[in-house]
C-alpha atoms as a PDB file:
ATOM      1  CA  MET A   1       0.858  14.619 -57.022  1.00  0.00           C
ATOM      2  CA  ASP A   2      -1.834  12.772 -55.166  1.00  0.00           C
ATOM      3  CA  MET A   3      -0.770   9.554 -53.521  1.00  0.00           C
ATOM      4  CA  ASP A   4      -3.021   6.789 -52.320  1.00  0.00           C
ATOM      5  CA  MET A   5      -2.328   5.901 -48.725  1.00  0.00           C
ATOM      6  CA  HIS A   6      -2.788   2.334 -47.583  1.00  0.00           C
ATOM      7  CA  TYR A   7      -3.416   2.351 -43.825  1.00  0.00           C
ATOM      8  CA  VAL A   8      -3.515  -0.840 -41.821  1.00  0.00           C
ATOM      9  CA  PRO A   9      -4.248  -0.153 -38.148  1.00  0.00           C
ATOM     10  CA  GLU A  10      -1.900  -1.939 -35.758  1.00  0.00           C
ATOM     11  CA  GLU A  11      -3.195  -3.792 -32.744  1.00  0.00           C
ATOM     12  CA  VAL A  12      -3.032  -1.650 -29.604  1.00  0.00           C
ATOM     13  CA  GLU A  13      -1.055  -3.304 -26.819  1.00  0.00           C
ATOM     14  CA  ARG A  14      -2.763  -3.116 -23.452  1.00  0.00           C
ATOM     15  CA  ALA A  15      -1.468  -3.722 -19.989  1.00  0.00           C
ATOM     16  CA  GLU A  16      -2.373  -7.109 -18.498  1.00  0.00           C
ATOM     17  CA  LEU A  17      -4.675  -6.799 -15.484  1.00  0.00           C
ATOM     18  CA  ILE A  18      -4.387  -9.424 -12.725  1.00  0.00           C
ATOM     19  CA  VAL A  19      -5.969  -9.923  -9.307  1.00  0.00           C
ATOM     20  CA  GLU A  20      -3.424 -11.742  -7.146  1.00  0.00           C
ATOM     21  CA  THR A  21      -3.529 -12.985  -3.558  1.00  0.00           C
ATOM     22  CA  SER A  22      -1.129 -14.907  -1.351  1.00  0.00           C
ATOM     23  CA  PRO A  23      -0.515 -15.344   2.386  1.00  0.00           C
ATOM     24  CA  VAL A  24       2.942 -13.889   1.651  1.00  0.00           C
ATOM     25  CA  TRP A  25       1.357 -10.644   0.463  1.00  0.00           C
ATOM     26  CA  GLU A  26      -0.642 -10.475   3.706  1.00  0.00           C
ATOM     27  CA  LEU A  27       2.466 -11.011   5.816  1.00  0.00           C
ATOM     28  CA  ILE A  28       4.429  -8.340   3.950  1.00  0.00           C
ATOM     29  CA  LEU A  29       1.604  -5.820   4.131  1.00  0.00           C
ATOM     30  CA  SER A  30       1.123  -6.383   7.861  1.00  0.00           C
ATOM     31  CA  ILE A  31       4.879  -5.900   8.384  1.00  0.00           C
ATOM     32  CA  SER A  32       4.604  -2.679   6.380  1.00  0.00           C
ATOM     33  CA  GLY A  33       1.692  -1.485   8.521  1.00  0.00           C
ATOM     34  CA  PHE A  34       3.235  -2.564  11.821  1.00  0.00           C
ATOM     35  CA  THR A  35       6.453  -0.646  11.091  1.00  0.00           C
ATOM     36  CA  TYR A  36       4.709   2.481   9.700  1.00  0.00           C
ATOM     37  CA  LYS A  37       5.146   4.549  12.842  1.00  0.00           C
ATOM     38  CA  GLN A  38       3.337   7.684  11.638  1.00  0.00           C
ATOM     39  CA  LEU A  39       0.167   5.863  10.534  1.00  0.00           C
ATOM     40  CA  ARG A  40       0.258   2.807  12.780  1.00  0.00           C
ATOM     41  CA  HIS A  41      -2.625   4.145  14.928  1.00  0.00           C
ATOM     42  CA  THR A  42      -4.967   4.210  11.908  1.00  0.00           C
ATOM     43  CA  PHE A  43      -4.670   0.530  10.934  1.00  0.00           C
ATOM     44  CA  GLU A  44      -7.565  -1.724  11.880  1.00  0.00           C
ATOM     45  CA  LEU A  45      -5.171  -4.356  13.231  1.00  0.00           C
ATOM     46  CA  ASP A  46      -3.171  -1.936  15.377  1.00  0.00           C
ATOM     47  CA  GLN A  47      -4.650  -3.241  18.646  1.00  0.00           C
ATOM     48  CA  ALA A  48      -4.075  -6.861  17.627  1.00  0.00           C
ATOM     49  CA  TRP A  49      -0.445  -6.062  16.767  1.00  0.00           C
ATOM     50  CA  THR A  50      -0.021  -4.261  20.083  1.00  0.00           C
ATOM     51  CA  ASN A  51      -1.284  -7.302  21.991  1.00  0.00           C
ATOM     52  CA  ALA A  52       0.719  -9.827  19.949  1.00  0.00           C
ATOM     53  CA  LYS A  53       3.448 -11.817  21.652  1.00  0.00           C
ATOM     54  CA  ILE A  54       6.623 -10.830  19.836  1.00  0.00           C
ATOM     55  CA  THR A  55      10.003 -12.347  20.659  1.00  0.00           C
ATOM     56  CA  SER A  56      12.958 -10.084  21.368  1.00  0.00           C
ATOM     57  CA  SER A  57      14.723 -11.203  18.174  1.00  0.00           C
ATOM     58  CA  LEU A  58      11.653 -10.500  16.026  1.00  0.00           C
ATOM     59  CA  LYS A  59      11.256  -7.138  17.720  1.00  0.00           C
ATOM     60  CA  ARG A  60      14.822  -6.249  16.719  1.00  0.00           C
ATOM     61  CA  ASP A  61      14.119  -7.337  13.126  1.00  0.00           C
ATOM     62  CA  LEU A  62      10.972  -5.206  12.980  1.00  0.00           C
ATOM     63  CA  GLU A  63      12.849  -2.220  14.367  1.00  0.00           C
ATOM     64  CA  THR A  64      15.476  -2.667  11.641  1.00  0.00           C
ATOM     65  CA  ILE A  65      12.731  -2.875   9.008  1.00  0.00           C
ATOM     66  CA  GLN A  66      11.243   0.340  10.404  1.00  0.00           C
ATOM     67  CA  GLN A  67      14.605   2.139  10.341  1.00  0.00           C
ATOM     68  CA  THR A  68      15.593   0.968   6.850  1.00  0.00           C
ATOM     69  CA  ASN A  69      12.181   0.645   5.123  1.00  0.00           C
ATOM     70  CA  VAL A  70      13.241  -2.755   3.756  1.00  0.00           C
ATOM     71  CA  TRP A  71       9.528  -3.667   3.610  1.00  0.00           C
ATOM     72  CA  GLN A  72       9.771  -1.949   0.197  1.00  0.00           C
ATOM     73  CA  GLY A  73      12.210  -4.674  -0.879  1.00  0.00           C
ATOM     74  CA  LEU A  74       9.865  -7.389   0.409  1.00  0.00           C
ATOM     75  CA  ILE A  75       7.107  -5.978  -1.819  1.00  0.00           C
ATOM     76  CA  MET A  76       9.343  -5.764  -4.878  1.00  0.00           C
ATOM     77  CA  LEU A  77      10.664  -9.296  -4.408  1.00  0.00           C
ATOM     78  CA  GLN A  78       7.186 -10.761  -3.922  1.00  0.00           C
ATOM     79  CA  ASP A  79       6.063  -8.987  -7.101  1.00  0.00           C
ATOM     80  CA  LYS A  80       8.886 -10.799  -8.895  1.00  0.00           C
ATOM     81  CA  LEU A  81       8.391 -14.196  -7.208  1.00  0.00           C
ATOM     82  CA  SER A  82       4.588 -14.398  -6.614  1.00  0.00           C
ATOM     83  CA  ALA A  83       5.400 -16.878  -3.830  1.00  0.00           C
ATOM     84  CA  LYS A  84       2.576 -18.795  -2.157  1.00  0.00           C
ATOM     85  CA  THR A  85       4.523 -19.602   1.013  1.00  0.00           C
ATOM     86  CA  VAL A  86       7.312 -17.968   3.009  1.00  0.00           C
ATOM     87  CA  GLN A  87       9.586 -20.928   2.247  1.00  0.00           C
ATOM     88  CA  GLN A  88       8.916 -20.506  -1.482  1.00  0.00           C
ATOM     89  CA  PHE A  89       9.718 -16.798  -1.145  1.00  0.00           C
ATOM     90  CA  SER A  90      12.962 -17.579   0.699  1.00  0.00           C
ATOM     91  CA  ASN A  91      14.055 -20.190  -1.854  1.00  0.00           C
ATOM     92  CA  GLY A  92      13.204 -17.971  -4.815  1.00  0.00           C
ATOM     93  CA  MET A  93      15.023 -14.962  -3.347  1.00  0.00           C
ATOM     94  CA  LYS A  94      18.205 -16.978  -2.819  1.00  0.00           C
ATOM     95  CA  GLN A  95      18.109 -18.384  -6.347  1.00  0.00           C
ATOM     96  CA  LEU A  96      18.150 -14.915  -7.960  1.00  0.00           C
ATOM     97  CA  SER A  97      21.424 -13.795  -9.479  1.00  0.00           C
ATOM     98  CA  ASN A  98      23.119 -10.850  -7.797  1.00  0.00           C
ATOM     99  CA  ASP A  99      22.212  -8.536 -10.684  1.00  0.00           C
ATOM    100  CA  THR A 100      18.565  -9.634 -10.707  1.00  0.00           C
ATOM    101  CA  PHE A 101      18.338  -9.250  -6.937  1.00  0.00           C
ATOM    102  CA  TYR A 102      19.418  -5.606  -7.030  1.00  0.00           C
ATOM    103  CA  GLU A 103      17.465  -4.837 -10.201  1.00  0.00           C
ATOM    104  CA  VAL A 104      14.329  -5.966  -8.346  1.00  0.00           C
ATOM    105  CA  MET A 105      15.227  -4.283  -5.049  1.00  0.00           C
ATOM    106  CA  LEU A 106      16.154  -0.875  -6.483  1.00  0.00           C
ATOM    107  CA  PRO A 107      12.980   1.253  -6.784  1.00  0.00           C
ATOM    108  CA  TYR A 108      11.870   2.648 -10.109  1.00  0.00           C
ATOM    109  CA  LYS A 109      12.039   6.468 -10.217  1.00  0.00           C
ATOM    110  CA  SER A 110      11.361   7.568 -13.799  1.00  0.00           C
ATOM    111  CA  ARG A 111      12.615   7.039 -17.332  1.00  0.00           C
ATOM    112  CA  LYS A 112      15.048   9.905 -16.755  1.00  0.00           C
ATOM    113  CA  GLU A 113      16.791   8.085 -13.874  1.00  0.00           C
ATOM    114  CA  GLU A 114      16.487   4.562 -15.311  1.00  0.00           C
ATOM    115  CA  ALA A 115      20.042   4.541 -16.713  1.00  0.00           C
ATOM    116  CA  LEU A 116      21.412   5.439 -13.273  1.00  0.00           C
ATOM    117  CA  ARG A 117      19.246   2.747 -11.661  1.00  0.00           C
ATOM    118  CA  MET A 118      20.736   0.181 -14.031  1.00  0.00           C
ATOM    119  CA  GLN A 119      24.257   1.347 -13.138  1.00  0.00           C
ATOM    120  CA  ALA A 120      23.368   1.055  -9.448  1.00  0.00           C
ATOM    121  CA  ILE A 121      22.741  -2.683  -9.837  1.00  0.00           C
ATOM    122  CA  ASP A 122      26.461  -3.486  -9.609  1.00  0.00           C
ATOM    123  CA  SER A 123      28.022  -0.141  -8.641  1.00  0.00           C
ATOM    124  CA  LEU A 124      27.984   1.035  -5.039  1.00  0.00           C
ATOM    125  CA  ALA A 125      28.955   4.562  -6.092  1.00  0.00           C
ATOM    126  CA  ALA A 126      26.014   4.728  -8.530  1.00  0.00           C
ATOM    127  CA  ARG A 127      23.739   3.293  -5.822  1.00  0.00           C
ATOM    128  CA  LYS A 128      24.673   6.132  -3.475  1.00  0.00           C
ATOM    129  CA  GLU A 129      24.077   8.647  -6.254  1.00  0.00           C
ATOM    130  CA  PHE A 130      20.719   7.013  -6.999  1.00  0.00           C
ATOM    131  CA  ALA A 131      19.682   7.350  -3.332  1.00  0.00           C
ATOM    132  CA  ALA A 132      20.037  11.129  -3.678  1.00  0.00           C
ATOM    133  CA  CYS A 133      17.345  11.081  -6.398  1.00  0.00           C
ATOM    134  CA  PHE A 134      14.831  10.372  -3.613  1.00  0.00           C
ATOM    135  CA  SER A 135      15.948  13.182  -1.289  1.00  0.00           C
ATOM    136  CA  SER A 136      12.411  14.587  -1.072  1.00  0.00           C
ATOM    137  CA  HIS A 137      10.725  11.198  -0.620  1.00  0.00           C
ATOM    138  CA  GLU A 138       9.382  10.134   2.772  1.00  0.00           C
ATOM    139  CA  PHE A 139      11.281   6.839   2.920  1.00  0.00           C
ATOM    140  CA  LEU A 140      12.883   5.777  -0.380  1.00  0.00           C
ATOM    141  CA  GLU A 141      16.141   7.699   0.116  1.00  0.00           C
ATOM    142  CA  GLY A 142      16.720   5.871   3.412  1.00  0.00           C
ATOM    143  CA  TYR A 143      15.732   2.582   1.786  1.00  0.00           C
ATOM    144  CA  VAL A 144      18.267   2.903  -1.069  1.00  0.00           C
ATOM    145  CA  GLU A 145      20.909   3.994   1.447  1.00  0.00           C
ATOM    146  CA  ALA A 146      20.180   0.741   3.322  1.00  0.00           C
ATOM    147  CA  LEU A 147      20.856  -1.155   0.076  1.00  0.00           C
ATOM    148  CA  CYS A 148      24.267   0.556   0.104  1.00  0.00           C
ATOM    149  CA  ARG A 149      24.941  -0.087   3.792  1.00  0.00           C
ATOM    150  CA  TYR A 150      23.964  -3.754   4.049  1.00  0.00           C
ATOM    151  CA  SER A 151      25.335  -6.623   1.970  1.00  0.00           C
ATOM    152  CA  ARG A 152      23.013  -8.831  -0.042  1.00  0.00           C
ATOM    153  CA  ILE A 153      23.513 -11.659   2.478  1.00  0.00           C
ATOM    154  CA  GLU A 154      22.589  -9.350   5.367  1.00  0.00           C
ATOM    155  CA  LEU A 155      19.482  -8.133   3.552  1.00  0.00           C
ATOM    156  CA  MET A 156      18.336 -11.663   2.726  1.00  0.00           C
ATOM    157  CA  ASP A 157      18.967 -12.826   6.295  1.00  0.00           C
ATOM    158  CA  LEU A 158      16.895  -9.903   7.625  1.00  0.00           C
ATOM    159  CA  MET A 159      13.998 -10.555   5.235  1.00  0.00           C
ATOM    160  CA  ASP A 160      14.085 -14.289   5.916  1.00  0.00           C
ATOM    161  CA  SER A 161      14.140 -13.792   9.672  1.00  0.00           C
ATOM    162  CA  VAL A 162      11.356 -11.207   9.792  1.00  0.00           C
ATOM    163  CA  LEU A 163       9.039 -13.166   7.470  1.00  0.00           C
ATOM    164  CA  PHE A 164       9.411 -16.501   9.233  1.00  0.00           C
ATOM    165  CA  GLY A 165       9.155 -14.843  12.652  1.00  0.00           C
ATOM    166  CA  TRP A 166       6.165 -12.677  11.738  1.00  0.00           C
ATOM    167  CA  GLU A 167       4.344 -15.628  10.177  1.00  0.00           C
ATOM    168  CA  LYS A 168       4.318 -17.353  13.583  1.00  0.00           C
ATOM    169  CA  VAL A 169       2.725 -14.238  15.130  1.00  0.00           C
ATOM    170  CA  VAL A 170       0.119 -13.500  12.473  1.00  0.00           C
ATOM    171  CA  ALA A 171      -0.868 -17.099  11.749  1.00  0.00           C
ATOM    172  CA  ALA A 172      -1.837 -17.361  15.427  1.00  0.00           C
ATOM    173  CA  GLU A 173      -4.625 -14.827  14.812  1.00  0.00           C
ATOM    174  CA  PRO A 174      -7.986 -16.661  15.124  1.00  0.00           C
ATOM    175  CA  ASP A 175      -9.238 -15.182  11.841  1.00  0.00           C
ATOM    176  CA  TRP A 176      -6.094 -15.790   9.757  1.00  0.00           C
ATOM    177  CA  SER A 177      -7.495 -18.842   7.919  1.00  0.00           C
ATOM    178  CA  LYS A 178     -10.821 -17.081   7.363  1.00  0.00           C
ATOM    179  CA  TRP A 179      -9.036 -14.082   5.839  1.00  0.00           C
ATOM    180  CA  GLN A 180      -7.215 -16.328   3.382  1.00  0.00           C
ATOM    181  CA  GLN A 181     -10.527 -17.853   2.292  1.00  0.00           C
ATOM    182  CA  LEU A 182     -12.110 -14.427   1.806  1.00  0.00           C
ATOM    183  CA  LEU A 183      -9.140 -13.181  -0.194  1.00  0.00           C
ATOM    184  CA  LYS A 184      -9.328 -16.273  -2.383  1.00  0.00           C
ATOM    185  CA  GLN A 185     -13.044 -15.563  -2.958  1.00  0.00           C
ATOM    186  CA  GLU A 186     -12.163 -12.033  -4.036  1.00  0.00           C
ATOM    187  CA  GLN A 187      -9.540 -13.344  -6.451  1.00  0.00           C
ATOM    188  CA  ASP A 188     -11.953 -15.909  -7.909  1.00  0.00           C
ATOM    189  CA  GLN A 189     -14.585 -13.215  -8.379  1.00  0.00           C
ATOM    190  CA  HIS A 190     -12.239 -11.334 -10.712  1.00  0.00           C
ATOM    191  CA  LYS A 191     -10.687 -14.246 -12.586  1.00  0.00           C
ATOM    192  CA  GLN A 192     -12.037 -13.173 -15.954  1.00  0.00           C
ATOM    193  CA  LEU A 193     -11.087  -9.535 -16.476  1.00  0.00           C
ATOM    194  CA  ALA A 194     -11.695  -8.024 -19.877  1.00  0.00           C
ATOM    195  CA  GLU A 195      -8.697  -6.749 -21.826  1.00  0.00           C
ATOM    196  CA  ALA A 196     -10.511  -3.505 -22.643  1.00  0.00           C
ATOM    197  CA  ASN A 197     -11.434  -0.700 -20.245  1.00  0.00           C
ATOM    198  CA  VAL A 198      -8.556  -1.464 -17.885  1.00  0.00           C
ATOM    199  CA  GLU A 199      -8.789   1.920 -16.160  1.00  0.00           C
ATOM    200  CA  GLU A 200     -12.535   1.496 -15.534  1.00  0.00           C
ATOM    201  CA  GLN A 201     -12.004  -1.956 -14.045  1.00  0.00           C
ATOM    202  CA  ILE A 202      -9.263  -0.699 -11.739  1.00  0.00           C
ATOM    203  CA  GLU A 203     -11.539   2.053 -10.448  1.00  0.00           C
ATOM    204  CA  ARG A 204     -14.468  -0.352 -10.033  1.00  0.00           C
ATOM    205  CA  ILE A 205     -12.447  -2.879  -8.062  1.00  0.00           C
ATOM    206  CA  THR A 206     -10.111  -0.640  -6.034  1.00  0.00           C
ATOM    207  CA  GLY A 207     -11.844   2.738  -6.043  1.00  0.00           C
ATOM    208  CA  VAL A 208      -8.678   4.324  -7.483  1.00  0.00           C
ATOM    209  CA  ARG A 209      -8.720   6.397 -10.656  1.00  0.00           C
ATOM    210  CA  TYR A 210      -5.709   5.266 -12.678  1.00  0.00           C
ATOM    211  CA  LEU A 211      -4.040   7.055 -15.564  1.00  0.00           C
ATOM    212  CA  PRO A 212      -1.947   4.797 -17.836  1.00  0.00           C
ATOM    213  CA  GLU A 213       1.813   5.099 -17.319  1.00  0.00           C
ATOM    214  CA  PRO A 214       4.509   4.577 -19.964  1.00  0.00           C
ATOM    215  CA  GLY A 215       6.294   1.251 -19.636  1.00  0.00           C
ATOM    216  CA  VAL A 216       3.699  -0.431 -17.421  1.00  0.00           C
ATOM    217  CA  TRP A 217       2.737  -3.761 -19.005  1.00  0.00           C
ATOM    218  CA  THR A 218       1.294  -5.560 -15.997  1.00  0.00           C
ATOM    219  CA  ILE A 219      -1.100  -4.192 -13.383  1.00  0.00           C
ATOM    220  CA  LYS A 220      -1.665  -6.268 -10.262  1.00  0.00           C
ATOM    221  CA  LEU A 221      -4.657  -5.671  -8.001  1.00  0.00           C
ATOM    222  CA  ILE A 222      -3.944  -7.210  -4.613  1.00  0.00           C
ATOM    223  CA  PRO A 223      -6.793  -7.348  -2.074  1.00  0.00           C
ATOM    224  CA  HIS A 224      -5.779  -7.309   1.572  1.00  0.00           C
ATOM    225  CA  VAL A 225      -7.009  -7.401   5.149  1.00  0.00           C
ATOM    226  CA  SER A 226      -3.775  -6.535   6.947  1.00  0.00           C
ATOM    227  CA  TYR A 227      -3.320  -3.007   5.524  1.00  0.00           C
ATOM    228  CA  ARG A 228      -6.941  -1.927   5.983  1.00  0.00           C
ATOM    229  CA  PRO A 229      -8.272   0.714   5.550  1.00  0.00           C
ATOM    230  CA  TRP A 230      -5.569   2.011   3.223  1.00  0.00           C
ATOM    231  CA  VAL A 231      -4.890   1.639  -0.490  1.00  0.00           C
ATOM    232  CA  LEU A 232      -1.175   1.300  -1.233  1.00  0.00           C
ATOM    233  CA  GLU A 233       0.320   1.946  -4.681  1.00  0.00           C
ATOM    234  CA  LYS A 234       3.749   0.735  -5.811  1.00  0.00           C
ATOM    235  CA  ARG A 235       5.531   0.522  -9.120  1.00  0.00           C
ATOM    236  CA  SER A 236       8.460  -1.396 -10.582  1.00  0.00           C
ATOM    237  CA  ALA A 237       9.927  -0.687 -14.011  1.00  0.00           C
ATOM    238  CA  GLU A 238       7.156  -2.621 -15.792  1.00  0.00           C
ATOM    239  CA  THR A 239       4.503  -3.380 -13.159  1.00  0.00           C
ATOM    240  CA  LYS A 240       1.983  -1.272 -11.264  1.00  0.00           C
ATOM    241  CA  LEU A 241       0.697  -2.633  -7.955  1.00  0.00           C
ATOM    242  CA  PHE A 242      -2.538  -1.604  -6.242  1.00  0.00           C
ATOM    243  CA  PHE A 243      -3.115  -3.052  -2.768  1.00  0.00           C
ATOM    244  CA  TYR A 244      -6.769  -2.445  -1.913  1.00  0.00           C
ATOM    245  CA  PRO A 245      -8.771  -3.291   1.229  1.00  0.00           C
ATOM    246  CA  LEU A 246     -11.189  -6.189   1.094  1.00  0.00           C
ATOM    247  CA  SER A 247     -14.768  -4.901   0.970  1.00  0.00           C
ATOM    248  CA  GLU A 248     -16.726  -4.512   4.199  1.00  0.00           C
ATOM    249  CA  ASP A 249     -19.387  -6.740   2.624  1.00  0.00           C
ATOM    250  CA  TYR A 250     -17.206  -9.767   3.364  1.00  0.00           C
ATOM    251  CA  PHE A 251     -17.252  -9.037   7.102  1.00  0.00           C
ATOM    252  CA  ARG A 252     -20.770  -7.756   7.758  1.00  0.00           C
ATOM    253  CA  GLU A 253     -22.824  -9.454  10.473  1.00  0.00           C
ATOM    254  CA  LYS A 254     -26.316  -8.320  11.355  1.00  0.00           C
ATOM    255  CA  GLY A 255     -26.336  -6.267  14.542  1.00  0.00           C
ATOM    256  CA  LYS A 256     -22.585  -5.636  14.449  1.00  0.00           C
ATOM    257  CA  PRO A 257     -21.255  -2.354  13.036  1.00  0.00           C
ATOM    258  CA  SER A 258     -18.706  -2.570  10.255  1.00  0.00           C
ATOM    259  CA  ASN A 259     -15.145  -1.401  10.832  1.00  0.00           C
ATOM    260  CA  GLU A 260     -15.943   1.425   8.445  1.00  0.00           C
ATOM    261  CA  LEU A 261     -18.723   2.684  10.730  1.00  0.00           C
ATOM    262  CA  VAL A 262     -16.569   2.385  13.847  1.00  0.00           C
ATOM    263  CA  ARG A 263     -13.634   4.080  12.144  1.00  0.00           C
ATOM    264  CA  GLY A 264     -15.871   6.892  10.900  1.00  0.00           C
ATOM    265  CA  HIS A 265     -17.349   7.562  14.331  1.00  0.00           C
ATOM    266  CA  LYS A 266     -13.902   7.584  15.909  1.00  0.00           C
ATOM    267  CA  ALA A 267     -12.767  10.090  13.302  1.00  0.00           C
ATOM    268  CA  LEU A 268     -15.738  12.372  13.983  1.00  0.00           C
ATOM    269  CA  GLY A 269     -15.756  11.888  17.759  1.00  0.00           C
ATOM    270  CA  ASP A 270     -13.334  14.703  18.506  1.00  0.00           C
ATOM    271  CA  ASP A 271     -13.783  18.462  18.667  1.00  0.00           C
ATOM    272  CA  ILE A 272     -10.571  19.301  16.775  1.00  0.00           C
ATOM    273  CA  ARG A 273     -11.227  16.801  13.982  1.00  0.00           C
ATOM    274  CA  LEU A 274     -14.762  18.110  13.497  1.00  0.00           C
ATOM    275  CA  GLN A 275     -13.373  21.648  13.295  1.00  0.00           C
ATOM    276  CA  LEU A 276     -10.775  20.508  10.769  1.00  0.00           C
ATOM    277  CA  LEU A 277     -13.439  18.830   8.654  1.00  0.00           C
ATOM    278  CA  TYR A 278     -15.589  21.977   8.830  1.00  0.00           C
ATOM    279  CA  GLN A 279     -12.615  24.109   7.759  1.00  0.00           C
ATOM    280  CA  LEU A 280     -11.902  21.824   4.799  1.00  0.00           C
ATOM    281  CA  TYR A 281     -15.563  22.065   3.776  1.00  0.00           C
ATOM    282  CA  VAL A 282     -14.969  25.831   3.629  1.00  0.00           C
ATOM    283  CA  GLY A 283     -12.031  25.241   1.300  1.00  0.00           C
ATOM    284  CA  PRO A 284      -8.841  23.231   0.688  1.00  0.00           C
ATOM    285  CA  ALA A 285      -5.754  23.999   2.771  1.00  0.00           C
ATOM    286  CA  SER A 286      -2.171  22.835   3.247  1.00  0.00           C
ATOM    287  CA  LEU A 287      -0.786  21.473   6.496  1.00  0.00           C
ATOM    288  CA  ALA A 288       1.107  24.740   7.045  1.00  0.00           C
ATOM    289  CA  GLU A 289      -2.072  26.795   6.556  1.00  0.00           C
ATOM    290  CA  LEU A 290      -4.038  24.586   8.947  1.00  0.00           C
ATOM    291  CA  SER A 291      -1.218  24.767  11.501  1.00  0.00           C
ATOM    292  CA  GLU A 292      -1.322  28.558  11.380  1.00  0.00           C
ATOM    293  CA  ARG A 293      -5.107  28.683  11.530  1.00  0.00           C
ATOM    294  CA  PHE A 294      -5.441  26.284  14.476  1.00  0.00           C
ATOM    295  CA  LYS A 295      -2.247  27.360  16.260  1.00  0.00           C
ATOM    296  CA  MET A 296      -1.144  23.725  16.508  1.00  0.00           C
ATOM    297  CA  SER A 297       2.055  21.917  15.570  1.00  0.00           C
ATOM    298  CA  LYS A 298       2.192  20.175  12.196  1.00  0.00           C
ATOM    299  CA  THR A 299       2.923  16.870  13.941  1.00  0.00           C
ATOM    300  CA  THR A 300      -0.247  17.070  16.054  1.00  0.00           C
ATOM    301  CA  LEU A 301      -2.348  18.150  13.099  1.00  0.00           C
ATOM    302  CA  HIS A 302      -0.949  15.395  10.882  1.00  0.00           C
ATOM    303  CA  HIS A 303      -2.050  12.828  13.473  1.00  0.00           C
ATOM    304  CA  GLN A 304      -5.598  14.256  13.519  1.00  0.00           C
ATOM    305  CA  LEU A 305      -5.790  14.556   9.739  1.00  0.00           C
ATOM    306  CA  SER A 306      -4.581  10.974   9.268  1.00  0.00           C
ATOM    307  CA  LEU A 307      -7.635   9.716  11.183  1.00  0.00           C
ATOM    308  CA  LEU A 308      -9.970  11.748   8.961  1.00  0.00           C
ATOM    309  CA  LYS A 309      -8.087  10.513   5.901  1.00  0.00           C
ATOM    310  CA  ALA A 310      -8.279   6.876   7.050  1.00  0.00           C
ATOM    311  CA  ALA A 311     -12.063   7.284   7.255  1.00  0.00           C
ATOM    312  CA  ARG A 312     -11.950   8.802   3.717  1.00  0.00           C
ATOM    313  CA  PHE A 313     -13.649  11.992   4.952  1.00  0.00           C
ATOM    314  CA  ILE A 314     -10.804  14.035   3.493  1.00  0.00           C
ATOM    315  CA  LYS A 315      -8.334  13.663   0.629  1.00  0.00           C
ATOM    316  CA  VAL A 316      -4.801  14.958   0.182  1.00  0.00           C
ATOM    317  CA  ASP A 317      -3.138  15.698  -3.128  1.00  0.00           C
ATOM    318  CA  LYS A 318       0.335  17.230  -3.411  1.00  0.00           C
ATOM    319  CA  GLY A 319       0.175  18.426   0.183  1.00  0.00           C
ATOM    320  CA  VAL A 320      -3.257  20.060  -0.106  1.00  0.00           C
ATOM    321  CA  TYR A 321      -6.118  18.673   2.013  1.00  0.00           C
ATOM    322  CA  ARG A 322      -9.713  18.699   0.771  1.00  0.00           C
ATOM    323  CA  ALA A 323     -13.019  17.541   2.198  1.00  0.00           C
ATOM    324  CA  ASN A 324     -14.668  14.488   0.642  1.00  0.00           C
ATOM    325  CA  PRO A 325     -18.412  15.286   0.975  1.00  0.00           C
ATOM    326  CA  ALA A 326     -19.457  12.211  -1.042  1.00  0.00           C
ATOM    327  CA  LYS A 327     -17.810   9.922   1.503  1.00  0.00           C
ATOM    328  CA  VAL A 328     -19.399  11.785   4.441  1.00  0.00           C
ATOM    329  CA  ASP A 329     -22.822  11.410   2.807  1.00  0.00           C
ATOM    330  CA  LEU A 330     -22.176   7.705   2.157  1.00  0.00           C
ATOM    331  CA  PHE A 331     -21.154   7.235   5.794  1.00  0.00           C
ATOM    332  CA  SER A 332     -24.459   8.755   6.941  1.00  0.00           C
ATOM    333  CA  ARG A 333     -26.403   6.425   4.647  1.00  0.00           C
ATOM    334  CA  LYS A 334     -24.506   3.390   5.924  1.00  0.00           C
ATOM    335  CA  LEU A 335     -25.330   4.369   9.503  1.00  0.00           C
ATOM    336  CA  GLU A 336     -29.012   4.602   8.574  1.00  0.00           C
ATOM    337  CA  GLN A 337     -28.743   1.228   6.811  1.00  0.00           C
ATOM    338  CA  PHE A 338     -27.163  -0.384   9.890  1.00  0.00           C
ATOM    339  CA  LEU A 339     -29.787   0.978  12.285  1.00  0.00           C
ATOM    340  CA  GLY A 340     -32.518   0.140   9.771  1.00  0.00           C
ATOM    341  CA  GLU A 341     -31.686  -3.565  10.141  1.00  0.00           C
ATOM    342  CA  VAL A 342     -33.699  -3.511  13.399  1.00  0.00           C
ATOM    343  CA  LYS A 343     -36.931  -3.164  11.448  1.00  0.00           C
END
């Protein structure tokens, strides 16, 4: 028997897209970069950090952050608090209940492990078991183990101390106030984001191609100066975070090369790196394959590849390196554009 079907389409729920800035984000990202030992040499502010006057107590805090990867917790807490000042961050962190504190601090893994993550909020045994879920991750296993090893009070004291101490160092930078103004301009430029075409807007603003993820209801795009030239992606249970470098257009001065040009020339100004780029133009390769081909240690090669990757001349996906010809071509055009300013 034929039946008439009455279909009323339901409204499709879309993730909310926000551009968010704060001096607290800049402080956290610069702490993350400063303590990222393997990539520290690729950050634009590396020399400034090296020359900074750091007290012995702050140095100890930063070393602890580096060993424990608690910068991850700083990011997750700031996502929750959206603090505008370090004092506001500190107050908000201390006002969280114990359960909320650990729910925020514990990293999201997947829907499969979410039940275990919830158990880990108030169970040390479950927390240790949850740490093992990240055994293949570069830093998250050690981070969750730190959440087992340190009490909440110890963690809050560490985060308080490193943020207040680091603020004194970074705020002394002559361009700190200017950076905050530029970041605010970037935020204002993207105040009105359309609800539709979220993925297209993310790619336009950050350069990252994003595929929607189940459970993500808020996507924050956070421009930065301190983590340049890198894009950093993080996720909580319901929020996706993209930290993207502020455009070179904000910093350009006639007659002065952009950081992008300087970084690109440094990346290409080495015999081994040029050979690596040539080899990746021939075809993609893993670190192990490149190590065998060049008869060099993986550690040495990783250092060289990180400089090419920072300049965006190569990409890496699931351990496989590939050349990025479009970026090399763009770099050549930008060099021509810079020299063409003489005319």
